[in-house]
Amino acid sequence: MGQLIKLQDYISRYELDIYHYPTQYVRLKKQQWNKWKNAYYDGTLESHFQYDKNELPDWHENEEKTTLFNRFKKFFKRNDKETMDHEYVQDSPQHDDEGIDLDVRIPLLPSNIEELKISFLNQLFRFQLKWASSTLREKSFVDQKYYWDEKLRFFLQRFPDTFLILYHPVFLLKNAPVEVEVIVLSPTDAWCISFLEAEEDAAFIGSNEKFWIRRHHKHSEKKFLSPLISLNRMEKIVSKLFSLYEVSLPVKKVILCRNGYIDYPTQPFDVQILDKRSFPGWFERMRKLSSPLKHQQLKGAEVLLDYCQTTSVKRLDWGDEDAVETID
């Protein structure tokens, strides 16, 4: 499960110590998953459900069990064993973990291990949003749209634990805020990703001009702004900061279209086009990357976070920590 280290301009726990929290998260996640998985196979799972209806998370209120799981079954139909069982060892500074333990609460009794896995991943997704929008003393108010953002779930729930995600971060450069799309820091590369998706099987005609063309058999032809404009800006920011602070992590540019096709005869050599034909192979290679967290990866994340803007932060009163640390 990829780690969300920055969301928009929200305050992030990872900003405090990028060398500690990624490894701590994986350790806590592994502990919790082993607890629930062992309880399932030992036949003691039901004893872990000690919460009444009023204590259940707000995202499933007034929903039937079948509705909840059917909503995500299609998205998680592939085997996620690598994601759940991925392990790595990384040295990190010792911190006081009091008050920041990951205590996953499964809201509904699953009928099989796959339902348990889906429910567990959904709870981790909410926990990630908390870590990406709060510290022990401050918090940002998360727009509810992110709880149902399919692209954000895609990165957090389908990639390895060692992938660090900046989702629509806002960089503050020369006192001017600049919002970009998605930056993924893997142990070996920094990926600047621009999404280009519309209707299923839509075709995008790329060119070196300012505008591209979108075609679909049910809709009229439409012009739109070239994704290369924002993608090149994003890559320029990342590359400049990496060069300034001597981060030796290759920066790659990707235009990603998972449900359609991109035809770009004059494609630049430094841009990868991933559409419905080439995306599955790239995705599997990324998921199978077993390398542990790397120093240059964490250094690169630290540099990027230092230049990210953080606004709209509320200072918490003493005693409010529980609201931040627990999963609703």
Protein backbone atom coordinates (compact mmCIF):
# COMPACT_ATOMS: atom_id res chain seq x y z
CA MET A 1 0.00 0.00 0.00
CA GLY A 2 1.65 3.22 -1.18
CA GLN A 3 2.16 5.89 1.47
CA LEU A 4 0.53 9.30 1.10
CA ILE A 5 3.18 11.74 2.30
CA LYS A 6 1.54 14.92 0.96
CA LEU A 7 -2.05 15.76 -0.01
CA GLN A 8 -2.77 19.14 -1.56
CA ASP A 9 -1.60 21.85 0.89
CA TYR A 10 -2.59 19.91 4.02
CA ILE A 11 -0.16 19.48 6.87
CA SER A 12 1.47 16.05 6.86
CA ARG A 13 3.03 13.92 9.56
CA TYR A 14 5.72 12.89 7.10
CA GLU A 15 6.91 16.50 6.99
CA LEU A 16 8.07 16.13 10.59
CA ASP A 17 10.38 13.17 9.98
CA ILE A 18 10.40 11.48 6.59
CA TYR A 19 13.11 9.11 7.80
CA HIS A 20 10.91 7.67 10.53
CA TYR A 21 7.25 7.59 9.60
CA PRO A 22 7.42 5.45 6.41
CA THR A 23 9.11 2.58 8.25
CA GLN A 24 6.88 3.04 11.29
CA TYR A 25 3.76 2.85 9.14
CA VAL A 26 4.85 -0.42 7.53
CA ARG A 27 5.68 -1.94 10.92
CA LEU A 28 2.31 -0.96 12.38
CA LYS A 29 0.46 -2.12 9.28
CA LYS A 30 2.20 -5.52 9.40
CA GLN A 31 1.34 -5.93 13.09
CA GLN A 32 -2.33 -5.15 12.52
CA TRP A 33 -2.68 -7.31 9.42
CA ASN A 34 -1.08 -10.28 11.16
CA LYS A 35 -3.46 -9.81 14.09
CA TRP A 36 -6.58 -9.84 11.91
CA LYS A 37 -5.33 -12.53 9.54
CA ASN A 38 -4.36 -14.85 12.40
CA ALA A 39 -7.70 -14.25 14.09
CA TYR A 40 -9.47 -15.22 10.87
CA TYR A 41 -7.55 -18.48 10.45
CA ASP A 42 -7.73 -19.28 14.18
CA GLY A 43 -11.50 -18.89 14.16
CA THR A 44 -11.39 -16.11 16.77
CA LEU A 45 -12.24 -13.22 14.44
CA GLU A 46 -15.69 -12.62 15.90
CA SER A 47 -14.23 -11.99 19.34
CA HIS A 48 -12.49 -8.88 17.95
CA PHE A 49 -15.81 -7.23 17.11
CA GLN A 50 -16.72 -5.33 20.25
CA TYR A 51 -18.20 -2.20 18.72
CA ASP A 52 -21.87 -1.37 18.56
CA LYS A 53 -23.50 0.34 15.59
CA ASN A 54 -22.92 3.81 17.00
CA GLU A 55 -19.17 3.23 17.02
CA LEU A 56 -18.86 2.19 13.38
CA PRO A 57 -17.09 4.45 10.86
CA ASP A 58 -19.27 7.11 9.25
CA TRP A 59 -18.44 5.97 5.72
CA HIS A 60 -20.63 2.88 5.92
CA GLU A 61 -23.63 4.29 7.79
CA ASN A 62 -26.98 3.23 6.34
CA GLU A 63 -25.30 0.76 3.97
CA GLU A 64 -25.90 -2.94 3.85
CA LYS A 65 -22.94 -5.32 4.11
CA THR A 66 -23.34 -6.54 0.54
CA THR A 67 -23.42 -2.99 -0.81
CA LEU A 68 -20.21 -2.09 1.00
CA PHE A 69 -18.20 -5.03 -0.29
CA ASN A 70 -19.65 -5.07 -3.81
CA ARG A 71 -18.58 -1.46 -4.23
CA PHE A 72 -14.93 -2.44 -3.97
CA LYS A 73 -14.86 -6.06 -5.21
CA LYS A 74 -14.45 -5.05 -8.83
CA PHE A 75 -11.56 -2.74 -7.99
CA PHE A 76 -9.84 -5.38 -5.86
CA LYS A 77 -10.60 -8.43 -7.99
CA ARG A 78 -6.88 -9.05 -8.55
CA ASN A 79 -4.89 -10.91 -5.95
CA ASP A 80 -3.36 -8.37 -3.57
CA LYS A 81 -1.20 -10.86 -1.71
CA GLU A 82 1.99 -9.00 -2.59
CA THR A 83 0.59 -5.79 -1.15
CA MET A 84 -0.57 -7.30 2.13
CA ASP A 85 2.43 -9.57 2.72
CA HIS A 86 5.18 -7.23 1.55
CA GLU A 87 7.98 -6.90 4.09
CA TYR A 88 11.20 -4.97 4.27
CA VAL A 89 13.75 -3.98 6.87
CA GLN A 90 15.00 -0.42 7.19
CA ASP A 91 16.97 1.26 9.94
CA SER A 92 15.32 4.38 11.35
CA PRO A 93 15.65 6.63 14.39
CA GLN A 94 13.89 5.48 17.51
CA HIS A 95 10.80 7.52 18.37
CA ASP A 96 8.25 7.38 21.10
CA ASP A 97 5.33 5.55 19.51
CA GLU A 98 2.92 6.38 22.30
CA GLY A 99 -0.27 7.88 20.95
CA ILE A 100 0.36 7.06 17.29
CA ASP A 101 -0.28 3.32 17.12
CA LEU A 102 -2.34 2.06 14.23
CA ASP A 103 -5.37 0.33 15.74
CA VAL A 104 -7.49 -0.95 12.86
CA ARG A 105 -11.15 -1.62 13.58
CA ILE A 106 -12.97 -3.78 11.05
CA PRO A 107 -16.60 -2.54 11.03
CA LEU A 108 -18.31 -5.63 9.59
CA LEU A 109 -17.65 -9.33 10.09
CA PRO A 110 -16.24 -10.63 6.76
CA SER A 111 -17.33 -13.95 5.32
CA ASN A 112 -13.95 -14.74 3.72
CA ILE A 113 -10.32 -13.62 3.73
CA GLU A 114 -10.78 -11.43 0.64
CA GLU A 115 -13.53 -9.41 2.34
CA LEU A 116 -11.31 -9.05 5.39
CA LYS A 117 -8.48 -7.81 3.16
CA ILE A 118 -10.73 -5.26 1.44
CA SER A 119 -12.08 -3.94 4.72
CA PHE A 120 -8.56 -3.76 6.16
CA LEU A 121 -7.29 -1.80 3.15
CA ASN A 122 -10.20 0.62 3.38
CA GLN A 123 -9.43 1.31 7.03
CA LEU A 124 -5.76 1.84 6.17
CA PHE A 125 -6.83 4.26 3.46
CA ARG A 126 -8.62 6.41 6.05
CA PHE A 127 -5.64 6.15 8.39
CA GLN A 128 -3.37 7.35 5.58
CA LEU A 129 -5.58 10.38 5.05
CA LYS A 130 -5.22 11.19 8.74
CA TRP A 131 -1.44 10.98 8.68
CA ALA A 132 -1.40 13.08 5.50
CA SER A 133 -3.54 15.80 7.10
CA SER A 134 -2.42 16.00 10.73
CA THR A 135 0.36 15.87 13.29
CA LEU A 136 0.10 15.36 17.05
CA ARG A 137 -0.57 19.09 17.48
CA GLU A 138 -2.13 20.30 14.22
CA LYS A 139 -4.59 19.14 11.62
CA SER A 140 -6.06 20.17 8.30
CA PHE A 141 -9.69 19.60 7.34
CA VAL A 142 -9.81 17.07 4.52
CA ASP A 143 -12.21 17.66 1.66
CA GLN A 144 -14.60 14.68 1.68
CA LYS A 145 -14.04 14.13 -2.04
CA TYR A 146 -10.67 12.53 -1.27
CA TYR A 147 -12.32 9.68 0.64
CA TRP A 148 -13.94 8.59 -2.64
CA ASP A 149 -11.17 9.63 -5.02
CA GLU A 150 -10.57 6.55 -7.21
CA LYS A 151 -7.19 7.70 -8.46
CA LEU A 152 -5.93 8.31 -4.93
CA ARG A 153 -7.16 4.86 -3.86
CA PHE A 154 -5.41 3.40 -6.91
CA PHE A 155 -2.02 4.66 -5.75
CA LEU A 156 -2.50 3.92 -2.06
CA GLN A 157 -4.12 0.50 -2.31
CA ARG A 158 -2.44 -1.09 -5.31
CA PHE A 159 1.23 -0.14 -5.01
CA PRO A 160 3.95 -1.43 -2.62
CA ASP A 161 4.51 0.03 0.83
CA THR A 162 7.82 1.50 -0.29
CA PHE A 163 6.19 3.92 -2.74
CA LEU A 164 5.79 7.49 -1.43
CA ILE A 165 2.97 9.53 -2.97
CA LEU A 166 2.52 13.28 -3.30
CA TYR A 167 -1.03 13.82 -4.54
CA HIS A 168 -1.74 17.24 -6.08
CA PRO A 169 0.89 18.94 -3.88
CA VAL A 170 1.21 22.72 -3.96
CA PHE A 171 4.79 23.93 -4.28
CA LEU A 172 5.73 27.39 -3.07
CA LEU A 173 8.37 28.70 -5.50
CA LYS A 174 9.46 32.35 -5.40
CA ASN A 175 6.40 33.10 -3.26
CA ALA A 176 4.10 31.73 -5.98
CA PRO A 177 2.02 28.58 -5.31
CA VAL A 178 2.14 25.97 -8.07
CA GLU A 179 -0.13 22.91 -7.91
CA VAL A 180 0.98 19.80 -9.79
CA GLU A 181 -0.63 16.40 -10.33
CA VAL A 182 0.94 13.21 -8.94
CA ILE A 183 4.53 12.48 -7.92
CA VAL A 184 5.44 8.91 -7.01
CA LEU A 185 8.79 8.24 -5.37
CA SER A 186 9.74 4.59 -5.77
CA PRO A 187 13.01 3.24 -4.33
CA THR A 188 14.61 3.63 -7.77
CA ASP A 189 12.83 6.49 -9.59
CA ALA A 190 10.73 9.62 -9.22
CA TRP A 191 7.63 9.44 -11.42
CA CYS A 192 5.84 12.61 -12.51
CA ILE A 193 2.41 11.39 -13.60
CA SER A 194 -0.30 13.20 -15.54
CA PHE A 195 -3.68 11.47 -15.92
CA LEU A 196 -5.45 11.53 -19.26
CA GLU A 197 -8.72 9.65 -18.89
CA ALA A 198 -12.27 10.09 -20.09
CA GLU A 199 -14.88 7.63 -21.37
CA GLU A 200 -13.99 3.97 -21.76
CA ASP A 201 -12.00 3.38 -24.97
CA ALA A 202 -11.65 7.08 -25.73
CA ALA A 203 -8.84 7.90 -28.16
CA PHE A 204 -6.47 10.82 -27.63
CA ILE A 205 -4.49 12.26 -30.52
CA GLY A 206 -1.27 13.82 -29.30
CA SER A 207 0.88 16.42 -31.03
CA ASN A 208 3.50 19.05 -30.32
CA GLU A 209 0.83 21.74 -30.49
CA LYS A 210 -0.84 23.44 -27.55
CA PHE A 211 -4.03 21.40 -27.96
CA TRP A 212 -4.70 17.70 -28.39
CA ILE A 213 -7.83 15.98 -29.73
CA ARG A 214 -10.15 13.54 -27.96
CA ARG A 215 -12.32 11.17 -29.98
CA HIS A 216 -15.02 8.74 -28.92
CA HIS A 217 -17.62 6.86 -30.93
CA LYS A 218 -20.47 8.25 -28.81
CA HIS A 219 -19.31 11.86 -28.65
CA SER A 220 -18.16 14.57 -31.00
CA GLU A 221 -14.48 15.36 -31.42
CA LYS A 222 -13.12 17.74 -28.79
CA LYS A 223 -9.94 19.76 -28.32
CA PHE A 224 -8.24 20.02 -24.92
CA LEU A 225 -5.07 21.50 -23.47
CA SER A 226 -2.00 19.31 -23.97
CA PRO A 227 -1.10 17.37 -20.79
CA LEU A 228 2.57 17.94 -21.65
CA ILE A 229 2.30 21.53 -20.44
CA SER A 230 1.57 20.62 -16.82
CA LEU A 231 3.71 17.47 -16.98
CA ASN A 232 6.80 19.38 -18.13
CA ARG A 233 6.25 21.99 -15.42
CA MET A 234 6.04 19.27 -12.77
CA GLU A 235 9.18 17.52 -14.01
CA LYS A 236 11.07 20.80 -14.14
CA ILE A 237 10.23 21.54 -10.49
CA VAL A 238 11.27 18.09 -9.28
CA SER A 239 14.45 17.97 -11.36
CA LYS A 240 15.49 21.47 -10.29
CA LEU A 241 15.06 20.70 -6.59
CA PHE A 242 16.83 17.35 -6.90
CA SER A 243 19.74 19.02 -8.68
CA LEU A 244 19.91 21.83 -6.13
CA TYR A 245 20.14 19.39 -3.20
CA GLU A 246 22.11 16.66 -4.98
CA VAL A 247 19.40 13.99 -4.96
CA SER A 248 20.49 11.20 -7.29
CA LEU A 249 17.06 9.83 -8.18
CA PRO A 250 16.10 9.64 -11.88
CA VAL A 251 13.02 11.70 -12.77
CA LYS A 252 10.61 10.19 -15.30
CA LYS A 253 7.57 11.67 -17.02
CA VAL A 254 4.42 9.64 -17.65
CA ILE A 255 1.09 10.34 -19.34
CA LEU A 256 -1.25 7.71 -17.91
CA CYS A 257 -4.47 6.55 -19.57
CA ARG A 258 -5.77 3.32 -18.05
CA ASN A 259 -9.09 3.10 -19.91
CA GLY A 260 -8.33 4.53 -23.36
CA TYR A 261 -5.77 4.90 -26.11
CA ILE A 262 -3.15 7.53 -26.94
CA ASP A 263 -1.84 8.03 -30.47
CA TYR A 264 1.21 10.29 -30.46
CA PRO A 265 3.39 9.81 -33.57
CA THR A 266 5.93 12.48 -32.54
CA GLN A 267 6.15 11.40 -28.91
CA PRO A 268 9.13 13.03 -27.11
CA PHE A 269 11.86 10.55 -26.15
CA ASP A 270 11.69 11.56 -22.47
CA VAL A 271 7.93 10.94 -22.03
CA GLN A 272 6.39 7.52 -21.44
CA ILE A 273 2.91 6.98 -22.84
CA LEU A 274 0.95 4.41 -20.86
CA ASP A 275 -2.48 3.62 -22.28
CA LYS A 276 -4.78 0.62 -22.21
CA ARG A 277 -2.26 -1.41 -24.19
CA SER A 278 0.93 -0.66 -22.26
CA PHE A 279 -0.35 0.21 -18.79
CA PRO A 280 -0.90 -3.38 -17.47
CA GLY A 281 2.73 -4.40 -18.04
CA TRP A 282 4.12 -1.24 -16.42
CA PHE A 283 1.73 -1.62 -13.50
CA GLU A 284 2.79 -5.19 -12.81
CA ARG A 285 6.46 -4.25 -12.93
CA MET A 286 5.86 -1.48 -10.43
CA ARG A 287 3.93 -3.76 -8.08
CA LYS A 288 6.64 -6.39 -8.17
CA LEU A 289 9.42 -3.96 -7.25
CA SER A 290 10.75 -5.51 -4.04
CA SER A 291 13.48 -3.01 -3.25
CA PRO A 292 13.40 -1.52 0.27
CA LEU A 293 13.24 2.18 0.99
CA LYS A 294 16.40 3.94 -0.19
CA HIS A 295 18.26 6.88 1.31
CA GLN A 296 18.10 8.93 -1.91
CA GLN A 297 14.36 8.25 -2.13
CA LEU A 298 13.80 9.59 1.39
CA LYS A 299 16.15 12.50 0.78
CA GLY A 300 14.20 13.37 -2.36
CA ALA A 301 10.93 13.20 -0.43
CA GLU A 302 12.37 15.48 2.26
CA VAL A 303 13.43 18.05 -0.33
CA LEU A 304 10.03 18.07 -2.04
CA LEU A 305 8.16 18.34 1.26
CA ASP A 306 10.32 21.28 2.31
CA TYR A 307 9.06 23.23 -0.70
CA CYS A 308 5.41 22.19 -0.41
CA GLN A 309 2.94 24.76 0.83
CA THR A 310 0.95 24.07 3.99
CA THR A 311 -2.09 26.23 4.80
CA SER A 312 -5.41 26.08 6.67
CA VAL A 313 -4.01 24.32 9.72
CA LYS A 314 -5.82 24.17 13.03
CA ARG A 315 -3.88 23.98 16.27
CA LEU A 316 -5.24 21.17 18.46
CA ASP A 317 -6.00 21.60 22.14
CA TRP A 318 -4.35 19.28 24.64
CA GLY A 319 -6.54 16.20 24.76
CA ASP A 320 -7.59 16.33 21.09
CA GLU A 321 -4.90 13.87 20.01
CA ASP A 322 -7.19 10.86 20.18
CA ALA A 323 -9.37 12.35 17.47
CA VAL A 324 -6.36 12.44 15.18
CA GLU A 325 -4.69 9.18 16.09
CA THR A 326 -7.62 6.77 15.96
CA ILE A 327 -9.50 5.61 12.90
CA ASP A 328 -13.08 6.84 12.93
